[in-house]
Amino acid sequence: MSTALVLHWYDHLGAGGDPAKFARRVRERYTEGTLQRLLMHSQPRVREAAVVALRLIGTMDSNAALANCLHDECIEVQELAEAAMWAIWFRADSEPNNRELQRLTRLINDREYGKALTGLNALITRAPTFAEAFNQRAILYWHWSEHKRSLTDCEEVIRLNPFHFGAQAGLGQCYLQMRKHSEALKAFRVALLIHPNLQGVQESVCALEQMLRESRGREDRK
């Protein structure tokens, strides 16, 4: 399959084209496996086009391939890959469950936490392998400062989706609030292994490393 078509359609999309039309054209002419192979193309623009195509039509089968793009030498590819992974995570279950998760996420954003929790509990019971449902419940628990419950849900997200850099960073934040600094540092380091440009996490790692060095120094002087 020539790369010219997907790149041409992508360039047109950037000039104000219709994303739905782009997705339809890609779906008609490319398999998901072909798009995954294009993620390793020598031309950054082709890699960008493939990432955007997977954002629109990709499945969890592309999760690992897109995670590799978080390490791409091109910053645009990295940023597009992050957005593509989030999009795929939110549509990783059935259409009704995906729509319900979107609704519940809006409730969380609107601070309707009680209603959101009721809905998330029901969704998780109905779809126990839907990693993003657990992640959104972890976020809700975080808003309530229920750090142990948030941590438990983060661990389940990571079990279901090992490339979930958001849950991995959330795990670190939970440990940090629980004053388990060594565990927090380990969690943040794993998050950076998945996503080396994860905003704010590198600063947390540096701060924790300094804190732990100073703590060990005080212990050694006793």
Protein backbone atom coordinates (compact mmCIF):
# COMPACT_ATOMS: atom_id res chain seq x y z
CA MET A 1 0.00 0.00 0.00
CA SER A 2 1.44 3.37 -1.03
CA THR A 3 1.99 5.93 1.70
CA ALA A 4 1.04 8.73 -0.69
CA LEU A 5 -2.70 8.41 -0.08
CA VAL A 6 -2.70 8.58 3.70
CA LEU A 7 -0.21 11.45 3.63
CA HIS A 8 -2.27 13.31 1.03
CA TRP A 9 -5.44 12.85 3.06
CA TYR A 10 -3.62 13.92 6.23
CA ASP A 11 -2.33 17.09 4.59
CA HIS A 12 -5.86 17.85 3.44
CA LEU A 13 -7.13 17.24 6.98
CA GLY A 14 -4.66 19.80 8.30
CA ALA A 15 -6.02 22.33 5.81
CA GLY A 16 -9.50 22.15 7.29
CA GLY A 17 -10.62 18.75 6.05
CA ASP A 18 -13.29 16.58 7.61
CA PRO A 19 -11.96 14.07 10.20
CA ALA A 20 -14.87 11.72 9.52
CA LYS A 21 -14.05 11.70 5.82
CA PHE A 22 -10.37 11.10 6.57
CA ALA A 23 -11.28 8.18 8.84
CA ARG A 24 -13.62 6.69 6.23
CA ARG A 25 -11.00 6.88 3.48
CA VAL A 26 -8.34 5.32 5.69
CA ARG A 27 -10.63 2.53 6.81
CA GLU A 28 -11.44 1.69 3.18
CA ARG A 29 -7.83 1.54 2.01
CA TYR A 30 -5.66 0.60 5.01
CA THR A 31 -5.66 -2.16 7.59
CA GLU A 32 -4.75 -1.40 11.18
CA GLY A 33 -1.63 -3.52 10.76
CA THR A 34 -0.51 -1.45 7.78
CA LEU A 35 -0.96 1.75 9.77
CA GLN A 36 1.09 0.26 12.59
CA ARG A 37 3.92 -0.46 10.15
CA LEU A 38 3.75 3.13 8.90
CA LEU A 39 4.52 4.28 12.44
CA MET A 40 8.10 3.20 11.70
CA HIS A 41 8.34 5.07 8.36
CA SER A 42 11.45 7.18 7.78
CA GLN A 43 9.40 10.32 7.06
CA PRO A 44 7.98 12.04 10.16
CA ARG A 45 4.93 13.32 8.28
CA VAL A 46 3.99 9.76 7.32
CA ARG A 47 4.34 8.71 10.94
CA GLU A 48 2.14 11.63 11.96
CA ALA A 49 -0.50 10.62 9.41
CA ALA A 50 -0.49 7.03 10.65
CA VAL A 51 -0.81 8.12 14.28
CA VAL A 52 -3.76 10.38 13.50
CA ALA A 53 -5.40 7.62 11.48
CA LEU A 54 -5.04 5.24 14.43
CA ARG A 55 -6.43 7.87 16.77
CA LEU A 56 -9.60 7.81 14.69
CA ILE A 57 -9.95 4.12 13.81
CA GLY A 58 -7.40 2.20 15.89
CA THR A 59 -8.08 -0.35 18.61
CA MET A 60 -6.20 -1.60 21.65
CA ASP A 61 -4.24 -3.77 19.21
CA SER A 62 -2.29 -0.57 18.39
CA ASN A 63 -1.59 0.31 22.03
CA ALA A 64 1.99 -1.00 22.12
CA ALA A 65 2.89 0.42 18.71
CA LEU A 66 1.63 3.87 19.71
CA ALA A 67 3.49 3.62 23.02
CA ASN A 68 6.69 3.24 21.02
CA CYS A 69 5.84 6.53 19.30
CA LEU A 70 6.05 8.29 22.67
CA HIS A 71 9.83 7.87 22.18
CA ASP A 72 9.84 9.15 18.60
CA GLU A 73 12.52 11.69 17.69
CA CYS A 74 9.79 13.98 16.31
CA ILE A 75 7.95 15.92 19.03
CA GLU A 76 4.80 16.17 16.88
CA VAL A 77 4.65 12.39 16.59
CA GLN A 78 5.08 12.06 20.37
CA GLU A 79 2.25 14.49 21.09
CA LEU A 80 -0.08 12.95 18.54
CA ALA A 81 0.67 9.46 19.89
CA GLU A 82 -0.31 10.53 23.42
CA ALA A 83 -3.62 11.89 22.13
CA ALA A 84 -4.20 8.75 20.05
CA MET A 85 -3.66 6.48 23.04
CA TRP A 86 -6.16 8.39 25.15
CA ALA A 87 -8.71 8.23 22.33
CA ILE A 88 -8.28 4.48 21.96
CA TRP A 89 -8.47 3.88 25.72
CA PHE A 90 -11.80 5.67 25.88
CA ARG A 91 -13.31 3.53 23.13
CA ALA A 92 -11.81 0.19 24.18
CA ASP A 93 -15.11 -1.48 25.07
CA SER A 94 -18.54 -1.76 23.45
CA GLU A 95 -20.16 1.33 21.92
CA PRO A 96 -22.77 1.66 24.72
CA ASN A 97 -20.09 1.33 27.41
CA ASN A 98 -17.84 3.81 25.62
CA ARG A 99 -20.67 6.35 25.48
CA GLU A 100 -21.45 5.78 29.14
CA LEU A 101 -17.83 6.39 30.11
CA GLN A 102 -17.86 9.66 28.20
CA ARG A 103 -21.00 10.70 30.07
CA LEU A 104 -19.52 9.77 33.43
CA THR A 105 -16.29 11.60 32.66
CA ARG A 106 -18.34 14.73 31.99
CA LEU A 107 -19.98 14.28 35.39
CA ILE A 108 -16.54 14.13 37.02
CA ASN A 109 -15.50 17.29 35.19
CA ASP A 110 -18.69 18.94 36.43
CA ARG A 111 -17.91 17.76 39.98
CA GLU A 112 -20.98 15.57 40.12
CA TYR A 113 -18.93 13.00 41.97
CA GLY A 114 -21.71 11.04 43.63
CA LYS A 115 -23.59 10.46 40.40
CA ALA A 116 -20.33 9.63 38.61
CA LEU A 117 -19.32 7.07 41.23
CA THR A 118 -22.67 5.29 41.03
CA GLY A 119 -22.35 5.11 37.26
CA LEU A 120 -18.73 4.00 37.31
CA ASN A 121 -19.43 1.23 39.80
CA ALA A 122 -22.20 -0.06 37.53
CA LEU A 123 -20.02 0.26 34.42
CA ILE A 124 -17.12 -1.62 36.03
CA THR A 125 -19.47 -4.40 37.11
CA ARG A 126 -20.77 -4.61 33.54
CA ALA A 127 -17.33 -4.24 31.87
CA PRO A 128 -14.67 -5.51 34.31
CA THR A 129 -11.85 -5.37 31.73
CA PHE A 130 -12.52 -1.76 30.67
CA ALA A 131 -9.32 -0.20 32.01
CA GLU A 132 -10.34 3.41 31.46
CA ALA A 133 -13.43 2.98 33.63
CA PHE A 134 -11.13 2.06 36.53
CA ASN A 135 -8.89 5.00 35.69
CA GLN A 136 -11.75 7.47 35.79
CA ARG A 137 -12.86 6.06 39.14
CA ALA A 138 -9.29 6.44 40.38
CA ILE A 139 -9.44 10.10 39.34
CA LEU A 140 -12.76 10.51 41.15
CA TYR A 141 -11.34 8.97 44.33
CA TRP A 142 -8.36 11.29 44.01
CA HIS A 143 -10.69 14.30 44.02
CA TRP A 144 -12.17 12.94 47.25
CA SER A 145 -8.65 12.41 48.72
CA GLU A 146 -9.41 8.68 48.95
CA HIS A 147 -5.82 7.88 48.05
CA LYS A 148 -5.82 4.19 48.99
CA ARG A 149 -8.89 3.54 46.85
CA SER A 150 -7.44 5.59 44.03
CA LEU A 151 -4.20 3.61 44.27
CA THR A 152 -6.07 0.30 44.10
CA ASP A 153 -7.86 1.39 40.94
CA CYS A 154 -4.60 2.65 39.40
CA GLU A 155 -3.07 -0.77 40.01
CA GLU A 156 -6.01 -2.42 38.25
CA VAL A 157 -5.67 -0.05 35.28
CA ILE A 158 -2.00 -0.94 34.95
CA ARG A 159 -2.78 -4.65 35.19
CA LEU A 160 -5.30 -4.32 32.35
CA ASN A 161 -3.28 -1.79 30.33
CA PRO A 162 0.47 -1.81 31.13
CA PHE A 163 1.05 1.18 28.81
CA HIS A 164 -1.28 3.47 30.75
CA PHE A 165 1.19 6.21 31.67
CA GLY A 166 -1.60 8.26 33.30
CA ALA A 167 -2.46 5.55 35.79
CA GLN A 168 1.22 4.90 36.43
CA ALA A 169 1.77 8.57 37.24
CA GLY A 170 -1.41 8.52 39.32
CA LEU A 171 0.01 5.60 41.29
CA GLY A 172 3.05 7.73 42.07
CA GLN A 173 0.87 10.63 43.19
CA CYS A 174 -1.09 8.35 45.51
CA TYR A 175 2.08 7.00 47.09
CA LEU A 176 3.33 10.57 47.46
CA GLN A 177 0.21 11.62 49.35
CA MET A 178 0.58 8.53 51.54
CA ARG A 179 4.18 9.60 52.27
CA LYS A 180 5.57 6.42 50.72
CA HIS A 181 8.33 8.26 48.93
CA SER A 182 10.40 5.31 47.70
CA GLU A 183 7.30 3.69 46.18
CA ALA A 184 6.31 6.99 44.61
CA LEU A 185 9.74 7.37 43.03
CA LYS A 186 9.57 3.86 41.56
CA ALA A 187 6.11 4.51 40.13
CA PHE A 188 7.16 7.82 38.57
CA ARG A 189 10.25 6.23 37.02
CA VAL A 190 8.11 3.54 35.39
CA ALA A 191 5.78 6.25 34.08
CA LEU A 192 8.77 7.95 32.44
CA LEU A 193 9.91 4.67 30.90
CA ILE A 194 6.54 4.53 29.15
CA HIS A 195 6.27 8.26 28.38
CA PRO A 196 9.62 10.09 28.75
CA ASN A 197 8.07 13.54 28.25
CA LEU A 198 5.23 13.17 30.72
CA GLN A 199 4.56 16.64 32.02
CA GLY A 200 5.59 17.27 35.62
CA VAL A 201 6.77 13.74 36.35
CA GLN A 202 10.46 14.38 35.71
CA GLU A 203 10.32 17.24 38.22
CA SER A 204 8.71 14.91 40.77
CA VAL A 205 11.46 12.34 40.21
CA CYS A 206 14.20 14.93 40.73
CA ALA A 207 12.55 16.26 43.89
CA LEU A 208 12.08 12.78 45.35
CA GLU A 209 15.63 11.73 44.52
CA GLN A 210 16.94 14.81 46.31
CA MET A 211 14.68 14.21 49.30
CA LEU A 212 15.74 10.58 49.63
CA ARG A 213 19.43 11.47 49.28
CA GLU A 214 19.12 14.02 52.07
CA SER A 215 17.22 11.54 54.23
CA ARG A 216 19.91 8.88 53.75
CA GLY A 217 22.59 11.47 54.53
CA ARG A 218 20.92 12.35 57.83
CA GLU A 219 20.66 8.67 58.72
CA ASP A 220 24.34 8.12 57.92
CA ARG A 221 25.38 11.01 60.20
CA LYS A 222 23.54 9.58 63.21
